[in-house]
Amino acid sequence: MWQDSFTLYELVTVMRQQEDGEFANLLNCLREGLQSESDITVLQSMVVEFETDIIKEYQHLYTARAEVDQFNNEIFELSTTKNAYIESIDLVTGDVDITLQKTILEKIPQNDPSKTMGLQTIMKIAENLNADICTNISIEDGLTNGASCCIKLLDYRVEGSKRCSIIWVLFDDVNIGMQQRQKYSYLRNTKVEPSWTPIFEITRKFKVGHSSGYHIIRRQFPLRLSATKTIHKSQGSTLNNVVVNFSN
């Protein structure tokens, strides 16, 4: 039945990297295992043994999440701009005795955001570093998991507080966060540019273990550093420069 409703159109031109036909054809040959000696020579010319400061600024891709975390931590430690360690605020909700709440909180996975609705236990963040939105905030406004940005300002609005109130970011795509910028335009001051989008802490609810009698409510900023990503996470991205790690 579907054959009557759909028509097949086969593309005869490689659409990705279409502005660089030679490189597009090289990648296509590599995918099919038909690379030539000249193709190999071109690829080998792009290999670097040691990273320069410029190369460190490029998007890095790794195969394993542990390697991604390690590289992002290294970039954070090397940063000289204003930075912050922001710890999540976790609460136990549900039918559970108050004496057990501490034990339950200790069971929360510390280094696996995939089990805590994408929100980190301790978020490391610094101005002028690249980051991604780590969970959906507003799909219609483009504030979705994976949206790339640059941290521009850690904004402390509560006098005497060591906890950041707002994180202002500049998205790679100017259309992302447009509604957010308009809604909270009154929060801008002389330090904040009109193109910067305010990101606030959000709350998410998740389970720990198999119990259905209680949940954890976590409050945290929905951001993660993204000087590097896994190859899986980068699929669909458009990058001007990229460094792919083949150390393993």
C-alpha atoms as a PDB file:
ATOM      1  CA  MET A   1       0.000   0.000   0.000  1.00  0.00           C
ATOM      2  CA  TRP A   2       2.842   2.416   0.836  1.00  0.00           C
ATOM      3  CA  GLN A   3       4.192   2.033  -2.709  1.00  0.00           C
ATOM      4  CA  ASP A   4       1.132   3.870  -4.006  1.00  0.00           C
ATOM      5  CA  SER A   5       1.686   6.800  -1.635  1.00  0.00           C
ATOM      6  CA  PHE A   6       5.446   7.329  -1.836  1.00  0.00           C
ATOM      7  CA  THR A   7       7.869   7.845  -4.699  1.00  0.00           C
ATOM      8  CA  LEU A   8      11.568   6.998  -4.507  1.00  0.00           C
ATOM      9  CA  TYR A   9      14.050   9.679  -5.550  1.00  0.00           C
ATOM     10  CA  GLU A  10      17.650   8.496  -5.436  1.00  0.00           C
ATOM     11  CA  LEU A  11      20.258  11.209  -4.959  1.00  0.00           C
ATOM     12  CA  VAL A  12      23.086  11.024  -7.467  1.00  0.00           C
ATOM     13  CA  THR A  13      25.150  13.791  -5.848  1.00  0.00           C
ATOM     14  CA  VAL A  14      26.870  13.607  -2.460  1.00  0.00           C
ATOM     15  CA  MET A  15      25.083  16.412  -0.625  1.00  0.00           C
ATOM     16  CA  ARG A  16      27.315  16.549   2.448  1.00  0.00           C
ATOM     17  CA  GLN A  17      30.496  18.549   1.942  1.00  0.00           C
ATOM     18  CA  GLN A  18      29.070  19.506  -1.461  1.00  0.00           C
ATOM     19  CA  GLU A  19      31.184  22.663  -1.473  1.00  0.00           C
ATOM     20  CA  ASP A  20      34.292  20.459  -1.382  1.00  0.00           C
ATOM     21  CA  GLY A  21      33.599  17.766  -3.947  1.00  0.00           C
ATOM     22  CA  GLU A  22      37.073  16.246  -3.786  1.00  0.00           C
ATOM     23  CA  PHE A  23      36.905  15.667  -0.032  1.00  0.00           C
ATOM     24  CA  ALA A  24      33.303  14.429  -0.266  1.00  0.00           C
ATOM     25  CA  ASN A  25      34.303  11.813  -2.831  1.00  0.00           C
ATOM     26  CA  LEU A  26      37.268  10.803  -0.680  1.00  0.00           C
ATOM     27  CA  LEU A  27      34.979  10.176   2.303  1.00  0.00           C
ATOM     28  CA  ASN A  28      32.565   8.228   0.135  1.00  0.00           C
ATOM     29  CA  CYS A  29      35.369   6.011  -1.179  1.00  0.00           C
ATOM     30  CA  LEU A  30      36.608   5.493   2.375  1.00  0.00           C
ATOM     31  CA  ARG A  31      33.131   4.442   3.497  1.00  0.00           C
ATOM     32  CA  GLU A  32      32.968   1.835   0.738  1.00  0.00           C
ATOM     33  CA  GLY A  33      36.552   0.653   1.234  1.00  0.00           C
ATOM     34  CA  LEU A  34      37.582   1.877  -2.226  1.00  0.00           C
ATOM     35  CA  GLN A  35      40.135   4.488  -1.165  1.00  0.00           C
ATOM     36  CA  SER A  36      43.124   5.053  -3.440  1.00  0.00           C
ATOM     37  CA  GLU A  37      46.767   5.661  -2.527  1.00  0.00           C
ATOM     38  CA  SER A  38      46.269   9.381  -3.101  1.00  0.00           C
ATOM     39  CA  ASP A  39      43.268   9.329  -0.740  1.00  0.00           C
ATOM     40  CA  ILE A  40      45.428   7.763   1.970  1.00  0.00           C
ATOM     41  CA  THR A  41      48.112  10.380   1.374  1.00  0.00           C
ATOM     42  CA  VAL A  42      45.578  13.188   1.824  1.00  0.00           C
ATOM     43  CA  LEU A  43      44.295  11.681   5.077  1.00  0.00           C
ATOM     44  CA  GLN A  44      47.799  11.102   6.421  1.00  0.00           C
ATOM     45  CA  SER A  45      48.636  14.747   5.768  1.00  0.00           C
ATOM     46  CA  MET A  46      45.960  15.672   8.315  1.00  0.00           C
ATOM     47  CA  VAL A  47      47.419  13.566  11.128  1.00  0.00           C
ATOM     48  CA  VAL A  48      48.928  15.507  14.040  1.00  0.00           C
ATOM     49  CA  GLU A  49      51.046  13.918  16.768  1.00  0.00           C
ATOM     50  CA  PHE A  50      51.001  16.839  19.193  1.00  0.00           C
ATOM     51  CA  GLU A  51      48.281  19.384  19.851  1.00  0.00           C
ATOM     52  CA  THR A  52      48.962  23.080  19.467  1.00  0.00           C
ATOM     53  CA  ASP A  53      46.933  25.736  21.272  1.00  0.00           C
ATOM     54  CA  ILE A  54      44.926  26.329  18.098  1.00  0.00           C
ATOM     55  CA  ILE A  55      44.127  22.645  17.631  1.00  0.00           C
ATOM     56  CA  LYS A  56      42.969  22.408  21.259  1.00  0.00           C
ATOM     57  CA  GLU A  57      40.254  24.944  20.413  1.00  0.00           C
ATOM     58  CA  TYR A  58      38.796  22.712  17.690  1.00  0.00           C
ATOM     59  CA  GLN A  59      35.936  20.316  18.391  1.00  0.00           C
ATOM     60  CA  HIS A  60      37.413  16.945  19.434  1.00  0.00           C
ATOM     61  CA  LEU A  61      35.695  13.612  18.868  1.00  0.00           C
ATOM     62  CA  TYR A  62      36.337  10.442  20.865  1.00  0.00           C
ATOM     63  CA  THR A  63      34.798   6.988  20.784  1.00  0.00           C
ATOM     64  CA  ALA A  64      34.326   6.569  24.551  1.00  0.00           C
ATOM     65  CA  ARG A  65      32.504   8.788  27.037  1.00  0.00           C
ATOM     66  CA  ALA A  66      35.301   8.383  29.616  1.00  0.00           C
ATOM     67  CA  GLU A  67      37.761   9.943  27.155  1.00  0.00           C
ATOM     68  CA  VAL A  68      35.329  12.791  26.528  1.00  0.00           C
ATOM     69  CA  ASP A  69      35.000  13.499  30.252  1.00  0.00           C
ATOM     70  CA  GLN A  70      38.766  13.431  30.726  1.00  0.00           C
ATOM     71  CA  PHE A  71      39.454  15.878  27.886  1.00  0.00           C
ATOM     72  CA  ASN A  72      36.689  18.269  28.987  1.00  0.00           C
ATOM     73  CA  ASN A  73      38.122  18.228  32.518  1.00  0.00           C
ATOM     74  CA  GLU A  74      41.586  19.019  31.145  1.00  0.00           C
ATOM     75  CA  ILE A  75      40.251  21.989  29.176  1.00  0.00           C
ATOM     76  CA  PHE A  76      38.386  23.203  32.265  1.00  0.00           C
ATOM     77  CA  GLU A  77      41.508  22.975  34.443  1.00  0.00           C
ATOM     78  CA  LEU A  78      43.535  24.886  31.825  1.00  0.00           C
ATOM     79  CA  SER A  79      40.995  27.700  31.562  1.00  0.00           C
ATOM     80  CA  THR A  80      42.017  31.066  33.005  1.00  0.00           C
ATOM     81  CA  THR A  81      38.570  32.673  32.920  1.00  0.00           C
ATOM     82  CA  LYS A  82      36.036  32.872  35.747  1.00  0.00           C
ATOM     83  CA  ASN A  83      34.808  29.379  36.556  1.00  0.00           C
ATOM     84  CA  ALA A  84      32.545  27.547  38.973  1.00  0.00           C
ATOM     85  CA  TYR A  85      31.857  24.132  40.442  1.00  0.00           C
ATOM     86  CA  ILE A  86      28.088  23.928  40.800  1.00  0.00           C
ATOM     87  CA  GLU A  87      26.751  21.056  42.889  1.00  0.00           C
ATOM     88  CA  SER A  88      23.246  19.780  42.269  1.00  0.00           C
ATOM     89  CA  ILE A  89      20.555  20.187  44.916  1.00  0.00           C
ATOM     90  CA  ASP A  90      18.858  16.808  45.445  1.00  0.00           C
ATOM     91  CA  LEU A  91      15.706  16.081  47.431  1.00  0.00           C
ATOM     92  CA  VAL A  92      13.890  12.823  48.130  1.00  0.00           C
ATOM     93  CA  THR A  93      10.152  12.949  47.562  1.00  0.00           C
ATOM     94  CA  GLY A  94       7.568  10.269  48.259  1.00  0.00           C
ATOM     95  CA  ASP A  95       6.540   7.861  50.986  1.00  0.00           C
ATOM     96  CA  VAL A  96       9.893   7.380  52.710  1.00  0.00           C
ATOM     97  CA  ASP A  97      11.058   7.862  56.283  1.00  0.00           C
ATOM     98  CA  ILE A  98      13.236  10.925  56.776  1.00  0.00           C
ATOM     99  CA  THR A  99      15.937   8.766  58.389  1.00  0.00           C
ATOM    100  CA  LEU A 100      16.378   6.863  55.113  1.00  0.00           C
ATOM    101  CA  GLN A 101      16.695   9.911  52.885  1.00  0.00           C
ATOM    102  CA  LYS A 102      20.466  10.252  53.342  1.00  0.00           C
ATOM    103  CA  THR A 103      20.961   6.593  52.408  1.00  0.00           C
ATOM    104  CA  ILE A 104      18.829   7.054  49.300  1.00  0.00           C
ATOM    105  CA  LEU A 105      20.737  10.166  48.232  1.00  0.00           C
ATOM    106  CA  GLU A 106      24.014   8.249  48.542  1.00  0.00           C
ATOM    107  CA  LYS A 107      22.730   5.757  45.957  1.00  0.00           C
ATOM    108  CA  ILE A 108      22.435   8.396  43.210  1.00  0.00           C
ATOM    109  CA  PRO A 109      24.914   7.642  40.367  1.00  0.00           C
ATOM    110  CA  GLN A 110      27.647  10.271  40.665  1.00  0.00           C
ATOM    111  CA  ASN A 111      29.193  10.182  37.190  1.00  0.00           C
ATOM    112  CA  ASP A 112      26.410   8.991  34.908  1.00  0.00           C
ATOM    113  CA  PRO A 113      24.069  11.837  33.867  1.00  0.00           C
ATOM    114  CA  SER A 114      22.124   9.421  31.658  1.00  0.00           C
ATOM    115  CA  LYS A 115      20.597   8.078  34.884  1.00  0.00           C
ATOM    116  CA  THR A 116      19.850  11.512  36.352  1.00  0.00           C
ATOM    117  CA  MET A 117      17.863  13.050  33.481  1.00  0.00           C
ATOM    118  CA  GLY A 118      21.033  14.524  31.971  1.00  0.00           C
ATOM    119  CA  LEU A 119      21.789  16.741  34.972  1.00  0.00           C
ATOM    120  CA  GLN A 120      25.257  16.445  36.510  1.00  0.00           C
ATOM    121  CA  THR A 121      26.002  15.960  40.196  1.00  0.00           C
ATOM    122  CA  ILE A 122      28.812  18.514  39.988  1.00  0.00           C
ATOM    123  CA  MET A 123      28.893  20.761  36.953  1.00  0.00           C
ATOM    124  CA  LYS A 124      32.200  22.337  35.991  1.00  0.00           C
ATOM    125  CA  ILE A 125      31.715  25.492  33.954  1.00  0.00           C
ATOM    126  CA  ALA A 126      33.895  28.408  32.861  1.00  0.00           C
ATOM    127  CA  GLU A 127      33.440  31.527  30.786  1.00  0.00           C
ATOM    128  CA  ASN A 128      34.518  31.338  27.125  1.00  0.00           C
ATOM    129  CA  LEU A 129      34.345  27.532  27.055  1.00  0.00           C
ATOM    130  CA  ASN A 130      32.071  25.636  24.676  1.00  0.00           C
ATOM    131  CA  ALA A 131      29.072  23.836  26.120  1.00  0.00           C
ATOM    132  CA  ASP A 132      25.891  22.017  25.141  1.00  0.00           C
ATOM    133  CA  ILE A 133      22.378  22.010  26.511  1.00  0.00           C
ATOM    134  CA  CYS A 134      22.134  18.577  28.160  1.00  0.00           C
ATOM    135  CA  THR A 135      18.367  18.069  28.321  1.00  0.00           C
ATOM    136  CA  ASN A 136      15.318  19.465  26.552  1.00  0.00           C
ATOM    137  CA  ILE A 137      14.148  22.795  27.973  1.00  0.00           C
ATOM    138  CA  SER A 138      11.952  24.214  25.194  1.00  0.00           C
ATOM    139  CA  ILE A 139      11.698  22.340  21.916  1.00  0.00           C
ATOM    140  CA  GLU A 140       9.842  25.152  20.138  1.00  0.00           C
ATOM    141  CA  ASP A 141      12.601  27.602  21.110  1.00  0.00           C
ATOM    142  CA  GLY A 142      15.391  25.259  20.034  1.00  0.00           C
ATOM    143  CA  LEU A 143      16.592  24.783  23.610  1.00  0.00           C
ATOM    144  CA  THR A 144      17.063  21.063  23.151  1.00  0.00           C
ATOM    145  CA  ASN A 145      19.552  18.405  24.163  1.00  0.00           C
ATOM    146  CA  GLY A 146      22.777  18.980  22.208  1.00  0.00           C
ATOM    147  CA  ALA A 147      22.263  22.647  21.279  1.00  0.00           C
ATOM    148  CA  SER A 148      25.781  24.127  21.124  1.00  0.00           C
ATOM    149  CA  CYS A 149      26.789  27.385  22.757  1.00  0.00           C
ATOM    150  CA  CYS A 150      29.634  29.306  24.363  1.00  0.00           C
ATOM    151  CA  ILE A 151      29.558  30.288  28.034  1.00  0.00           C
ATOM    152  CA  LYS A 152      29.754  34.094  28.137  1.00  0.00           C
ATOM    153  CA  LEU A 153      28.972  35.144  31.712  1.00  0.00           C
ATOM    154  CA  LEU A 154      28.500  33.532  35.119  1.00  0.00           C
ATOM    155  CA  ASP A 155      26.010  35.917  36.702  1.00  0.00           C
ATOM    156  CA  TYR A 156      25.671  36.118  40.503  1.00  0.00           C
ATOM    157  CA  ARG A 157      22.520  38.034  41.432  1.00  0.00           C
ATOM    158  CA  VAL A 158      22.076  37.052  45.107  1.00  0.00           C
ATOM    159  CA  GLU A 159      24.305  39.117  47.367  1.00  0.00           C
ATOM    160  CA  GLY A 160      26.669  36.960  49.398  1.00  0.00           C
ATOM    161  CA  SER A 161      25.736  33.765  47.544  1.00  0.00           C
ATOM    162  CA  LYS A 162      28.417  31.579  46.000  1.00  0.00           C
ATOM    163  CA  ARG A 163      25.862  29.918  43.746  1.00  0.00           C
ATOM    164  CA  CYS A 164      25.467  31.291  40.235  1.00  0.00           C
ATOM    165  CA  SER A 165      21.994  32.697  39.472  1.00  0.00           C
ATOM    166  CA  ILE A 166      22.130  32.866  35.663  1.00  0.00           C
ATOM    167  CA  ILE A 167      24.517  31.506  33.057  1.00  0.00           C
ATOM    168  CA  TRP A 168      24.499  33.645  29.922  1.00  0.00           C
ATOM    169  CA  VAL A 169      25.394  31.771  26.733  1.00  0.00           C
ATOM    170  CA  LEU A 170      25.834  32.585  23.053  1.00  0.00           C
ATOM    171  CA  PHE A 171      24.338  29.900  20.808  1.00  0.00           C
ATOM    172  CA  ASP A 172      25.985  28.903  17.534  1.00  0.00           C
ATOM    173  CA  ASP A 173      22.583  29.355  15.874  1.00  0.00           C
ATOM    174  CA  VAL A 174      21.109  32.819  16.506  1.00  0.00           C
ATOM    175  CA  ASN A 175      17.562  31.406  16.225  1.00  0.00           C
ATOM    176  CA  ILE A 176      18.033  29.193  19.276  1.00  0.00           C
ATOM    177  CA  GLY A 177      16.769  30.792  22.481  1.00  0.00           C
ATOM    178  CA  MET A 178      15.107  33.736  20.739  1.00  0.00           C
ATOM    179  CA  GLN A 179      11.938  33.433  22.848  1.00  0.00           C
ATOM    180  CA  GLN A 180      14.015  33.038  26.004  1.00  0.00           C
ATOM    181  CA  ARG A 181      15.961  36.220  25.239  1.00  0.00           C
ATOM    182  CA  GLN A 182      12.773  38.184  24.649  1.00  0.00           C
ATOM    183  CA  LYS A 183      11.048  36.843  27.763  1.00  0.00           C
ATOM    184  CA  TYR A 184      13.947  37.701  30.069  1.00  0.00           C
ATOM    185  CA  SER A 185      15.250  40.825  28.351  1.00  0.00           C
ATOM    186  CA  TYR A 186      14.614  42.764  31.578  1.00  0.00           C
ATOM    187  CA  LEU A 187      17.456  40.795  33.212  1.00  0.00           C
ATOM    188  CA  ARG A 188      20.084  42.222  30.883  1.00  0.00           C
ATOM    189  CA  ASN A 189      22.490  44.810  32.241  1.00  0.00           C
ATOM    190  CA  THR A 190      25.575  46.562  30.880  1.00  0.00           C
ATOM    191  CA  LYS A 191      27.579  43.326  31.142  1.00  0.00           C
ATOM    192  CA  VAL A 192      25.138  41.328  29.023  1.00  0.00           C
ATOM    193  CA  GLU A 193      24.896  41.560  25.237  1.00  0.00           C
ATOM    194  CA  PRO A 194      21.496  41.277  23.485  1.00  0.00           C
ATOM    195  CA  SER A 195      22.570  38.096  21.661  1.00  0.00           C
ATOM    196  CA  TRP A 196      23.232  36.221  24.909  1.00  0.00           C
ATOM    197  CA  THR A 197      20.599  33.819  26.228  1.00  0.00           C
ATOM    198  CA  PRO A 198      19.965  33.333  29.962  1.00  0.00           C
ATOM    199  CA  ILE A 199      20.061  29.749  31.204  1.00  0.00           C
ATOM    200  CA  PHE A 200      18.535  29.027  34.601  1.00  0.00           C
ATOM    201  CA  GLU A 201      18.562  26.036  36.897  1.00  0.00           C
ATOM    202  CA  ILE A 202      15.835  23.506  36.187  1.00  0.00           C
ATOM    203  CA  THR A 203      14.406  20.577  38.148  1.00  0.00           C
ATOM    204  CA  ARG A 204      14.004  17.009  36.938  1.00  0.00           C
ATOM    205  CA  LYS A 205      12.587  13.933  38.674  1.00  0.00           C
ATOM    206  CA  PHE A 206      14.104  10.455  38.409  1.00  0.00           C
ATOM    207  CA  LYS A 207      14.191   7.116  40.200  1.00  0.00           C
ATOM    208  CA  VAL A 208      17.042   5.447  42.032  1.00  0.00           C
ATOM    209  CA  GLY A 209      16.976   1.668  41.816  1.00  0.00           C
ATOM    210  CA  HIS A 210      13.691  -0.142  41.294  1.00  0.00           C
ATOM    211  CA  SER A 211      11.612   1.423  44.044  1.00  0.00           C
ATOM    212  CA  SER A 212       8.447   3.223  42.960  1.00  0.00           C
ATOM    213  CA  GLY A 213       7.732   4.608  46.428  1.00  0.00           C
ATOM    214  CA  TYR A 214      10.007   7.621  46.084  1.00  0.00           C
ATOM    215  CA  HIS A 215      11.785   9.797  43.536  1.00  0.00           C
ATOM    216  CA  ILE A 216      14.721  12.161  43.480  1.00  0.00           C
ATOM    217  CA  ILE A 217      14.139  15.770  42.470  1.00  0.00           C
ATOM    218  CA  ARG A 218      17.367  17.326  41.194  1.00  0.00           C
ATOM    219  CA  ARG A 219      17.994  21.031  40.655  1.00  0.00           C
ATOM    220  CA  GLN A 220      20.888  21.942  38.372  1.00  0.00           C
ATOM    221  CA  PHE A 221      21.861  23.993  35.326  1.00  0.00           C
ATOM    222  CA  PRO A 222      21.140  22.021  32.120  1.00  0.00           C
ATOM    223  CA  LEU A 223      24.619  22.483  30.641  1.00  0.00           C
ATOM    224  CA  ARG A 224      27.711  20.354  30.030  1.00  0.00           C
ATOM    225  CA  LEU A 225      31.129  21.271  28.685  1.00  0.00           C
ATOM    226  CA  SER A 226      31.637  20.224  25.066  1.00  0.00           C
ATOM    227  CA  ALA A 227      35.232  20.876  24.066  1.00  0.00           C
ATOM    228  CA  THR A 228      34.902  17.280  22.959  1.00  0.00           C
ATOM    229  CA  LYS A 229      32.061  14.853  22.279  1.00  0.00           C
ATOM    230  CA  THR A 230      31.636  11.206  21.439  1.00  0.00           C
ATOM    231  CA  ILE A 231      31.404  10.489  17.727  1.00  0.00           C
ATOM    232  CA  HIS A 232      27.870   9.268  18.388  1.00  0.00           C
ATOM    233  CA  LYS A 233      26.814  12.603  19.935  1.00  0.00           C
ATOM    234  CA  SER A 234      28.319  14.597  17.066  1.00  0.00           C
ATOM    235  CA  GLN A 235      26.263  12.935  14.337  1.00  0.00           C
ATOM    236  CA  GLY A 236      24.301  15.541  12.424  1.00  0.00           C
ATOM    237  CA  SER A 237      26.551  18.396  13.544  1.00  0.00           C
ATOM    238  CA  THR A 238      28.109  20.863  11.118  1.00  0.00           C
ATOM    239  CA  LEU A 239      31.695  21.634  12.129  1.00  0.00           C
ATOM    240  CA  ASN A 240      34.208  23.942  10.481  1.00  0.00           C
ATOM    241  CA  ASN A 241      37.140  22.207  12.191  1.00  0.00           C
ATOM    242  CA  VAL A 242      37.306  18.847  13.936  1.00  0.00           C
ATOM    243  CA  VAL A 243      39.951  16.631  15.535  1.00  0.00           C
ATOM    244  CA  VAL A 244      39.189  12.891  15.584  1.00  0.00           C
ATOM    245  CA  ASN A 245      41.115  10.854  18.141  1.00  0.00           C
ATOM    246  CA  PHE A 246      42.444   7.448  17.040  1.00  0.00           C
ATOM    247  CA  SER A 247      44.613   6.729  20.082  1.00  0.00           C
ATOM    248  CA  ASN A 248      42.810   3.460  20.762  1.00  0.00           C
END
